Amino acid sequence: MGKEAKPDPDTERSRKVRQKRIGDQLRRLYDDVTSEPVPDEFLSLLEQADNSSKQK
C-alpha cells in the first residue's frame, strides 16, 4: 500500500475559497428565485392536479 500525499495547504485553501464562493452564489440565486411570485398559470395547473387526484 502506498502512502497518500498530503494536500498542499495552498491548494486546499484555494479549493475551500472556490467552494465558499460557489455556495454563496448558489444561495443568492436560490434566494432570488424563492422570493419571486408563483405564476397564475402554474397555480392553476396545481389546482387542476389536486382536483383530478381527489376524483380518483
C-alpha atoms as a PDB file:
ATOM      1  CA  MET A   1       0.000   0.000   0.000  1.00  0.00           C
ATOM      2  CA  GLY A   2       1.376   3.370  -0.993  1.00  0.00           C
ATOM      3  CA  LYS A   3       1.415   6.488   1.078  1.00  0.00           C
ATOM      4  CA  GLU A   4      -1.222   9.077   0.286  1.00  0.00           C
ATOM      5  CA  ALA A   5       0.234  12.518  -0.314  1.00  0.00           C
ATOM      6  CA  LYS A   6      -0.992  15.252   1.976  1.00  0.00           C
ATOM      7  CA  PRO A   7      -2.782  18.025   0.119  1.00  0.00           C
ATOM      8  CA  ASP A   8      -0.811  21.203  -0.347  1.00  0.00           C
ATOM      9  CA  PRO A   9      -2.138  23.798   2.157  1.00  0.00           C
ATOM     10  CA  ASP A  10      -2.327  26.490  -0.552  1.00  0.00           C
ATOM     11  CA  THR A  11      -4.239  24.164  -2.877  1.00  0.00           C
ATOM     12  CA  GLU A  12      -6.589  23.140  -0.068  1.00  0.00           C
ATOM     13  CA  ARG A  13      -7.196  26.776   0.909  1.00  0.00           C
ATOM     14  CA  SER A  14      -7.847  27.710  -2.729  1.00  0.00           C
ATOM     15  CA  ARG A  15     -10.346  24.835  -3.069  1.00  0.00           C
ATOM     16  CA  LYS A  16     -12.193  25.941   0.069  1.00  0.00           C
ATOM     17  CA  VAL A  17     -12.355  29.552  -1.168  1.00  0.00           C
ATOM     18  CA  ARG A  18     -13.816  28.374  -4.513  1.00  0.00           C
ATOM     19  CA  GLN A  19     -16.360  26.153  -2.758  1.00  0.00           C
ATOM     20  CA  LYS A  20     -17.443  29.008  -0.495  1.00  0.00           C
ATOM     21  CA  ARG A  21     -17.779  31.385  -3.445  1.00  0.00           C
ATOM     22  CA  ILE A  22     -19.884  28.861  -5.389  1.00  0.00           C
ATOM     23  CA  GLY A  23     -22.043  28.213  -2.316  1.00  0.00           C
ATOM     24  CA  ASP A  24     -22.583  31.937  -1.770  1.00  0.00           C
ATOM     25  CA  GLN A  25     -23.583  32.431  -5.410  1.00  0.00           C
ATOM     26  CA  LEU A  26     -25.990  29.480  -5.331  1.00  0.00           C
ATOM     27  CA  ARG A  27     -27.604  30.782  -2.122  1.00  0.00           C
ATOM     28  CA  ARG A  28     -28.033  34.231  -3.660  1.00  0.00           C
ATOM     29  CA  LEU A  29     -29.619  32.740  -6.800  1.00  0.00           C
ATOM     30  CA  TYR A  30     -31.879  30.435  -4.771  1.00  0.00           C
ATOM     31  CA  ASP A  31     -32.982  33.327  -2.520  1.00  0.00           C
ATOM     32  CA  ASP A  32     -33.882  35.398  -5.596  1.00  0.00           C
ATOM     33  CA  VAL A  33     -35.936  32.554  -7.084  1.00  0.00           C
ATOM     34  CA  THR A  34     -37.797  31.774  -3.861  1.00  0.00           C
ATOM     35  CA  SER A  35     -38.826  35.409  -3.450  1.00  0.00           C
ATOM     36  CA  GLU A  36     -40.488  35.504  -6.887  1.00  0.00           C
ATOM     37  CA  PRO A  37     -44.277  35.107  -7.030  1.00  0.00           C
ATOM     38  CA  VAL A  38     -45.722  31.857  -8.383  1.00  0.00           C
ATOM     39  CA  PRO A  39     -47.238  32.441 -11.850  1.00  0.00           C
ATOM     40  CA  ASP A  40     -51.031  32.172 -12.062  1.00  0.00           C
ATOM     41  CA  GLU A  41     -50.789  29.518 -14.790  1.00  0.00           C
ATOM     42  CA  PHE A  42     -48.722  27.307 -12.510  1.00  0.00           C
ATOM     43  CA  LEU A  43     -51.152  27.753  -9.621  1.00  0.00           C
ATOM     44  CA  SER A  44     -53.975  26.804 -11.979  1.00  0.00           C
ATOM     45  CA  LEU A  45     -52.153  23.644 -13.059  1.00  0.00           C
ATOM     46  CA  LEU A  46     -51.557  22.690  -9.414  1.00  0.00           C
ATOM     47  CA  GLU A  47     -55.237  23.213  -8.635  1.00  0.00           C
ATOM     48  CA  GLN A  48     -56.227  21.036 -11.607  1.00  0.00           C
ATOM     49  CA  ALA A  49     -53.860  18.299 -10.472  1.00  0.00           C
ATOM     50  CA  ASP A  50     -55.278  18.424  -6.935  1.00  0.00           C
ATOM     51  CA  ASN A  51     -58.830  18.221  -8.256  1.00  0.00           C
ATOM     52  CA  SER A  52     -58.092  15.268 -10.556  1.00  0.00           C
ATOM     53  CA  SER A  53     -56.360  13.333  -7.771  1.00  0.00           C
ATOM     54  CA  LYS A  54     -59.361  13.846  -5.454  1.00  0.00           C
ATOM     55  CA  GLN A  55     -61.735  12.417  -8.081  1.00  0.00           C
ATOM     56  CA  LYS A  56     -59.876   9.094  -8.294  1.00  0.00           C
END
